[in-house]
């Protein structure tokens, strides 16, 4: 599955580098198993995207408006195996 590596500036001004999978690239059964709620859509600020953080193993927000450099694309076999071939980070 397609994954990304990117760095962005957080609201507090610090930098954050994240390896993540976008929601539209997550298997539907995985997304459903990791979420629960009322069915209401969460309003994120423009440019902010909900993603699955491969290192934290949880949902996080990636801010595309404050991206530093370019997103790198790589592939992972499985969400539980974030350390896979073509993975640009350790």
Protein backbone atom coordinates (compact mmCIF):
# COMPACT_ATOMS: atom_id res chain seq x y z
CA UNK A 1 0.00 0.00 0.00
CA UNK A 2 1.10 3.56 -0.70
CA UNK A 3 2.59 5.50 2.21
CA UNK A 4 4.24 8.90 2.60
CA UNK A 5 7.07 10.57 4.45
CA UNK A 6 6.79 14.30 5.04
CA UNK A 7 7.78 17.13 7.35
CA UNK A 8 5.52 20.02 8.32
CA UNK A 9 5.49 22.86 10.81
CA UNK A 10 3.12 22.35 13.74
CA UNK A 11 0.94 25.09 15.27
CA UNK A 12 3.55 25.66 18.00
CA UNK A 13 6.22 26.30 15.32
CA UNK A 14 8.12 23.05 15.80
CA UNK A 15 8.79 20.64 12.95
CA UNK A 16 7.25 17.19 12.72
CA UNK A 17 8.38 14.44 10.37
CA UNK A 18 5.81 11.72 9.90
CA UNK A 19 5.52 8.43 8.02
CA UNK A 20 1.85 7.95 7.26
CA UNK A 21 -0.89 6.41 5.14
CA UNK A 22 -3.74 8.62 3.96
CA UNK A 23 -7.28 7.58 4.84
CA UNK A 24 -8.14 6.80 1.22
CA UNK A 25 -5.22 4.31 1.07
CA UNK A 26 -6.19 2.46 4.27
CA UNK A 27 -8.04 -0.85 3.90
CA UNK A 28 -11.73 -0.18 4.68
CA UNK A 29 -11.87 -2.97 7.29
CA UNK A 30 -8.80 -1.52 9.05
CA UNK A 31 -10.30 1.98 9.18
CA UNK A 32 -13.59 0.63 10.54
CA UNK A 33 -11.82 -1.46 13.20
CA UNK A 34 -9.86 1.59 14.43
CA UNK A 35 -12.74 4.06 14.62
CA UNK A 36 -15.93 4.49 16.52
CA UNK A 37 -18.19 7.44 16.98
CA UNK A 38 -21.38 9.16 16.14
CA UNK A 39 -20.91 9.26 12.38
CA UNK A 40 -20.52 13.03 12.40
CA UNK A 41 -17.80 14.43 10.19
CA UNK A 42 -14.93 16.12 12.02
CA UNK A 43 -14.13 19.57 10.66
CA UNK A 44 -10.40 19.97 10.11
CA UNK A 45 -8.76 23.22 9.10
CA UNK A 46 -8.17 23.62 5.38
CA UNK A 47 -5.02 21.74 4.38
CA UNK A 48 -5.15 19.47 7.44
CA UNK A 49 -5.62 15.79 6.66
CA UNK A 50 -6.42 12.87 8.93
CA UNK A 51 -3.79 10.15 8.40
CA UNK A 52 -2.60 6.92 10.02
CA UNK A 53 0.81 7.55 11.63
CA UNK A 54 2.96 4.45 11.04
CA UNK A 55 5.29 5.16 13.97
CA UNK A 56 2.68 6.16 16.56
CA UNK A 57 0.21 3.53 15.27
CA UNK A 58 -2.67 5.97 15.54
CA UNK A 59 -4.59 8.67 13.72
CA UNK A 60 -2.89 12.06 13.49
CA UNK A 61 -3.34 15.25 11.48
CA UNK A 62 -0.84 16.15 8.75
CA UNK A 63 -0.85 19.85 7.80
CA UNK A 64 -0.21 20.20 4.06
CA UNK A 65 -0.30 24.02 4.33
CA UNK A 66 2.96 24.10 6.29
CA UNK A 67 4.82 21.31 4.51
CA UNK A 68 8.61 21.62 4.41
CA UNK A 69 10.17 20.17 1.28
CA UNK A 70 8.32 17.49 -0.67
CA UNK A 71 6.39 14.39 0.29
CA UNK A 72 8.19 11.14 -0.45
CA UNK A 73 6.13 8.13 -1.50
CA UNK A 74 7.01 4.57 -0.54
CA UNK A 75 5.19 1.26 -0.25
CA UNK A 76 4.49 -0.98 2.71
CA UNK A 77 3.17 -4.51 2.68
CA UNK A 78 1.08 -4.26 5.82
CA UNK A 79 0.22 -1.60 8.39
CA UNK A 80 1.74 -3.69 11.18
CA UNK A 81 4.98 -3.96 9.20
CA UNK A 82 5.98 -0.34 8.76
CA UNK A 83 9.62 -1.39 8.29
CA UNK A 84 9.45 -2.71 4.72
CA UNK A 85 11.21 -2.51 1.40
CA UNK A 86 11.34 0.91 -0.21
CA UNK A 87 10.85 2.51 3.19
CA UNK A 88 12.98 5.69 3.20
CA UNK A 89 13.24 5.91 6.99
CA UNK A 90 15.07 3.41 9.21
